[in-house]
Amino acid sequence: MADFIGLAMSKPNKNINTVTSLKDLDFDSDYPLLKIAYSGQNTIDIDATVEQVNVEVTITHGLGYKPRVMVYASIENGFFNNDINAYFPIPYSEVASSQGFWDIVDYEITTTSLVITFSGSGWGDPAKGGYAYYIFYDEL
């Protein structure tokens, strides 16, 4: 980082003059405050012929700790949502309790993976789930 012009702050026990990776920095003015380790997006087909939809998507990160994440989802042919391009932050829950229908998207972050769960009732077939995620180097 010899050519660096700006402000940087190394993690404890790391020498700012010798670090070679963004993972060794708590702050670098040339990069976003949250350093992105992994990101991606995709859509999945969901079998909505069943009475209750429950589908998991697992994204492995292998960081060895629970990182901060930002996760977004979209649903096509859900009970409340029907636009695969309209992403919303998750966790998300919309319930019509009198009718027994719902759209729920949630996630769990572990030391090795991000698991996104689509669940619902009253969905049309064919249904799709969309997701976009950012997994950061920053620990929870």
C-alpha atoms as a PDB file:
ATOM      1  CA  MET A   1       0.000   0.000   0.000  1.00  0.00           C
ATOM      2  CA  ALA A   2       3.000   2.261  -0.572  1.00  0.00           C
ATOM      3  CA  ASP A   3       1.221   4.410  -3.208  1.00  0.00           C
ATOM      4  CA  PHE A   4      -1.843   5.020  -1.037  1.00  0.00           C
ATOM      5  CA  ILE A   5      -2.992   8.631  -0.773  1.00  0.00           C
ATOM      6  CA  GLY A   6      -5.897   8.999   1.625  1.00  0.00           C
ATOM      7  CA  LEU A   7      -6.842   7.766   5.048  1.00  0.00           C
ATOM      8  CA  ALA A   8      -6.559   4.188   6.284  1.00  0.00           C
ATOM      9  CA  MET A   9      -6.792   2.533   9.682  1.00  0.00           C
ATOM     10  CA  SER A  10      -5.455  -0.961  10.241  1.00  0.00           C
ATOM     11  CA  LYS A  11      -6.967  -3.600  12.498  1.00  0.00           C
ATOM     12  CA  PRO A  12      -5.402  -4.113  15.920  1.00  0.00           C
ATOM     13  CA  ASN A  13      -2.048  -5.936  15.692  1.00  0.00           C
ATOM     14  CA  LYS A  14      -1.686  -5.093  11.968  1.00  0.00           C
ATOM     15  CA  ASN A  15       0.983  -2.695  10.746  1.00  0.00           C
ATOM     16  CA  ILE A  16      -0.563  -0.038   8.479  1.00  0.00           C
ATOM     17  CA  ASN A  17       2.720   0.213   6.542  1.00  0.00           C
ATOM     18  CA  THR A  18       2.818  -3.483   5.620  1.00  0.00           C
ATOM     19  CA  VAL A  19      -0.822  -4.619   5.191  1.00  0.00           C
ATOM     20  CA  THR A  20      -1.566  -6.052   1.747  1.00  0.00           C
ATOM     21  CA  SER A  21      -5.254  -6.914   2.099  1.00  0.00           C
ATOM     22  CA  LEU A  22      -8.419  -4.922   2.759  1.00  0.00           C
ATOM     23  CA  LYS A  23      -9.293  -7.577   5.342  1.00  0.00           C
ATOM     24  CA  ASP A  24      -6.486  -6.141   7.498  1.00  0.00           C
ATOM     25  CA  LEU A  25      -8.028  -2.655   7.513  1.00  0.00           C
ATOM     26  CA  ASP A  26     -10.871  -1.278   9.606  1.00  0.00           C
ATOM     27  CA  PHE A  27     -11.166   1.736   7.292  1.00  0.00           C
ATOM     28  CA  ASP A  28      -9.891   2.771   3.872  1.00  0.00           C
ATOM     29  CA  SER A  29     -11.169   6.023   2.348  1.00  0.00           C
ATOM     30  CA  ASP A  30     -10.908   4.571  -1.175  1.00  0.00           C
ATOM     31  CA  TYR A  31     -13.505   1.879  -0.432  1.00  0.00           C
ATOM     32  CA  PRO A  32     -16.980   1.644   1.083  1.00  0.00           C
ATOM     33  CA  LEU A  33     -17.083   1.565   4.860  1.00  0.00           C
ATOM     34  CA  LEU A  34     -18.389  -1.981   4.773  1.00  0.00           C
ATOM     35  CA  LYS A  35     -15.909  -4.084   2.841  1.00  0.00           C
ATOM     36  CA  ILE A  36     -17.704  -6.579   0.598  1.00  0.00           C
ATOM     37  CA  ALA A  37     -16.440 -10.150   0.788  1.00  0.00           C
ATOM     38  CA  TYR A  38     -19.070 -11.710  -1.510  1.00  0.00           C
ATOM     39  CA  SER A  39     -22.087 -10.514  -3.436  1.00  0.00           C
ATOM     40  CA  GLY A  40     -24.456 -11.979  -5.956  1.00  0.00           C
ATOM     41  CA  GLN A  41     -27.973 -12.370  -7.187  1.00  0.00           C
ATOM     42  CA  ASN A  42     -30.049 -15.079  -8.782  1.00  0.00           C
ATOM     43  CA  THR A  43     -33.574 -16.349  -9.328  1.00  0.00           C
ATOM     44  CA  ILE A  44     -34.937 -19.775  -8.515  1.00  0.00           C
ATOM     45  CA  ASP A  45     -37.999 -21.672  -9.684  1.00  0.00           C
ATOM     46  CA  ILE A  46     -40.383 -22.514  -6.850  1.00  0.00           C
ATOM     47  CA  ASP A  47     -42.883 -25.380  -6.953  1.00  0.00           C
ATOM     48  CA  ALA A  48     -46.101 -23.638  -5.922  1.00  0.00           C
ATOM     49  CA  THR A  49     -48.319 -26.652  -6.619  1.00  0.00           C
ATOM     50  CA  VAL A  50     -47.863 -27.606  -2.951  1.00  0.00           C
ATOM     51  CA  GLU A  51     -50.130 -26.107  -0.287  1.00  0.00           C
ATOM     52  CA  GLN A  52     -47.251 -24.437   1.549  1.00  0.00           C
ATOM     53  CA  VAL A  53     -44.073 -23.249  -0.163  1.00  0.00           C
ATOM     54  CA  ASN A  54     -40.799 -23.662   1.751  1.00  0.00           C
ATOM     55  CA  VAL A  55     -37.555 -23.322  -0.216  1.00  0.00           C
ATOM     56  CA  GLU A  56     -34.027 -22.677   1.068  1.00  0.00           C
ATOM     57  CA  VAL A  57     -31.071 -21.234  -0.832  1.00  0.00           C
ATOM     58  CA  THR A  58     -27.626 -21.694   0.741  1.00  0.00           C
ATOM     59  CA  ILE A  59     -24.689 -19.452  -0.130  1.00  0.00           C
ATOM     60  CA  THR A  60     -21.381 -20.593   1.365  1.00  0.00           C
ATOM     61  CA  HIS A  61     -18.995 -17.870   2.536  1.00  0.00           C
ATOM     62  CA  GLY A  62     -16.558 -19.807   4.758  1.00  0.00           C
ATOM     63  CA  LEU A  63     -15.357 -16.710   6.650  1.00  0.00           C
ATOM     64  CA  GLY A  64     -15.288 -18.580   9.985  1.00  0.00           C
ATOM     65  CA  TYR A  65     -17.402 -15.945  11.784  1.00  0.00           C
ATOM     66  CA  LYS A  66     -20.862 -14.405  11.420  1.00  0.00           C
ATOM     67  CA  PRO A  67     -20.422 -11.475   9.032  1.00  0.00           C
ATOM     68  CA  ARG A  68     -22.700  -8.499   8.494  1.00  0.00           C
ATOM     69  CA  VAL A  69     -25.027  -8.983   5.528  1.00  0.00           C
ATOM     70  CA  MET A  70     -27.576  -7.111   3.448  1.00  0.00           C
ATOM     71  CA  VAL A  71     -30.120  -9.370   1.786  1.00  0.00           C
ATOM     72  CA  TYR A  72     -32.930  -8.534  -0.641  1.00  0.00           C
ATOM     73  CA  ALA A  73     -35.599 -10.703  -2.239  1.00  0.00           C
ATOM     74  CA  SER A  74     -38.387 -10.649  -4.792  1.00  0.00           C
ATOM     75  CA  ILE A  75     -41.286 -12.994  -5.489  1.00  0.00           C
ATOM     76  CA  GLU A  76     -43.206 -13.727  -8.667  1.00  0.00           C
ATOM     77  CA  ASN A  77     -46.671 -15.283  -8.252  1.00  0.00           C
ATOM     78  CA  GLY A  78     -46.668 -14.993  -4.475  1.00  0.00           C
ATOM     79  CA  PHE A  79     -49.918 -14.138  -2.710  1.00  0.00           C
ATOM     80  CA  PHE A  80     -48.895 -10.504  -2.069  1.00  0.00           C
ATOM     81  CA  ASN A  81     -45.927 -10.086  -4.413  1.00  0.00           C
ATOM     82  CA  ASN A  82     -45.896 -10.607  -8.158  1.00  0.00           C
ATOM     83  CA  ASP A  83     -42.872  -8.790  -9.572  1.00  0.00           C
ATOM     84  CA  ILE A  84     -39.552 -10.630  -9.805  1.00  0.00           C
ATOM     85  CA  ASN A  85     -37.821  -7.270 -10.401  1.00  0.00           C
ATOM     86  CA  ALA A  86     -39.217  -5.520  -7.282  1.00  0.00           C
ATOM     87  CA  TYR A  87     -36.643  -6.318  -4.593  1.00  0.00           C
ATOM     88  CA  PHE A  88     -37.372  -5.681  -0.905  1.00  0.00           C
ATOM     89  CA  PRO A  89     -35.094  -5.958   2.135  1.00  0.00           C
ATOM     90  CA  ILE A  90     -35.453  -9.106   4.200  1.00  0.00           C
ATOM     91  CA  PRO A  91     -36.546 -10.309   6.676  1.00  0.00           C
ATOM     92  CA  TYR A  92     -39.970  -9.697   5.092  1.00  0.00           C
ATOM     93  CA  SER A  93     -43.412 -10.892   6.148  1.00  0.00           C
ATOM     94  CA  GLU A  94     -46.883 -10.197   4.772  1.00  0.00           C
ATOM     95  CA  VAL A  95     -49.797 -12.226   6.159  1.00  0.00           C
ATOM     96  CA  ALA A  96     -53.541 -12.345   5.437  1.00  0.00           C
ATOM     97  CA  SER A  97     -54.497 -14.132   8.647  1.00  0.00           C
ATOM     98  CA  SER A  98     -58.214 -14.303   7.854  1.00  0.00           C
ATOM     99  CA  GLN A  99     -57.468 -16.152   4.606  1.00  0.00           C
ATOM    100  CA  GLY A 100     -54.455 -18.154   5.788  1.00  0.00           C
ATOM    101  CA  PHE A 101     -52.148 -16.880   3.043  1.00  0.00           C
ATOM    102  CA  TRP A 102     -48.684 -15.404   3.433  1.00  0.00           C
ATOM    103  CA  ASP A 103     -45.417 -14.387   1.788  1.00  0.00           C
ATOM    104  CA  ILE A 104     -42.370 -14.655   4.062  1.00  0.00           C
ATOM    105  CA  VAL A 105     -38.697 -14.386   3.166  1.00  0.00           C
ATOM    106  CA  ASP A 106     -36.089 -14.662   5.900  1.00  0.00           C
ATOM    107  CA  TYR A 107     -32.405 -15.435   6.263  1.00  0.00           C
ATOM    108  CA  GLU A 108     -29.962 -16.941   8.723  1.00  0.00           C
ATOM    109  CA  ILE A 109     -26.260 -16.169   8.809  1.00  0.00           C
ATOM    110  CA  THR A 110     -23.810 -18.687  10.253  1.00  0.00           C
ATOM    111  CA  THR A 111     -20.026 -18.876  10.477  1.00  0.00           C
ATOM    112  CA  THR A 112     -19.964 -20.700   7.108  1.00  0.00           C
ATOM    113  CA  SER A 113     -23.054 -19.732   5.102  1.00  0.00           C
ATOM    114  CA  LEU A 114     -26.032 -17.496   4.387  1.00  0.00           C
ATOM    115  CA  VAL A 115     -29.358 -19.360   4.149  1.00  0.00           C
ATOM    116  CA  ILE A 116     -32.303 -17.564   2.513  1.00  0.00           C
ATOM    117  CA  THR A 117     -35.767 -19.087   3.046  1.00  0.00           C
ATOM    118  CA  PHE A 118     -38.820 -18.420   0.879  1.00  0.00           C
ATOM    119  CA  SER A 119     -42.129 -19.593   2.378  1.00  0.00           C
ATOM    120  CA  GLY A 120     -45.758 -18.920   1.725  1.00  0.00           C
ATOM    121  CA  SER A 121     -49.239 -20.088   0.988  1.00  0.00           C
ATOM    122  CA  GLY A 122     -51.671 -19.138  -1.751  1.00  0.00           C
ATOM    123  CA  TRP A 123     -48.935 -18.784  -4.380  1.00  0.00           C
ATOM    124  CA  GLY A 124     -49.599 -19.197  -8.089  1.00  0.00           C
ATOM    125  CA  ASP A 125     -47.704 -21.661 -10.216  1.00  0.00           C
ATOM    126  CA  PRO A 126     -45.157 -21.241 -11.688  1.00  0.00           C
ATOM    127  CA  ALA A 127     -43.559 -19.117  -8.987  1.00  0.00           C
ATOM    128  CA  LYS A 128     -40.076 -17.624  -8.767  1.00  0.00           C
ATOM    129  CA  GLY A 129     -37.935 -16.250  -5.995  1.00  0.00           C
ATOM    130  CA  GLY A 130     -35.253 -13.670  -6.582  1.00  0.00           C
ATOM    131  CA  TYR A 131     -32.470 -12.769  -4.194  1.00  0.00           C
ATOM    132  CA  ALA A 132     -29.522 -10.416  -3.986  1.00  0.00           C
ATOM    133  CA  TYR A 133     -26.991 -10.387  -1.176  1.00  0.00           C
ATOM    134  CA  TYR A 134     -23.928  -8.643   0.142  1.00  0.00           C
ATOM    135  CA  ILE A 135     -21.715 -10.449   2.651  1.00  0.00           C
ATOM    136  CA  PHE A 136     -19.254  -8.114   4.312  1.00  0.00           C
ATOM    137  CA  TYR A 137     -15.885  -8.789   5.956  1.00  0.00           C
ATOM    138  CA  ASP A 138     -17.179  -6.923   9.025  1.00  0.00           C
ATOM    139  CA  GLU A 139     -18.233  -9.189  11.893  1.00  0.00           C
ATOM    140  CA  LEU A 140     -21.639  -8.991  13.549  1.00  0.00           C
END
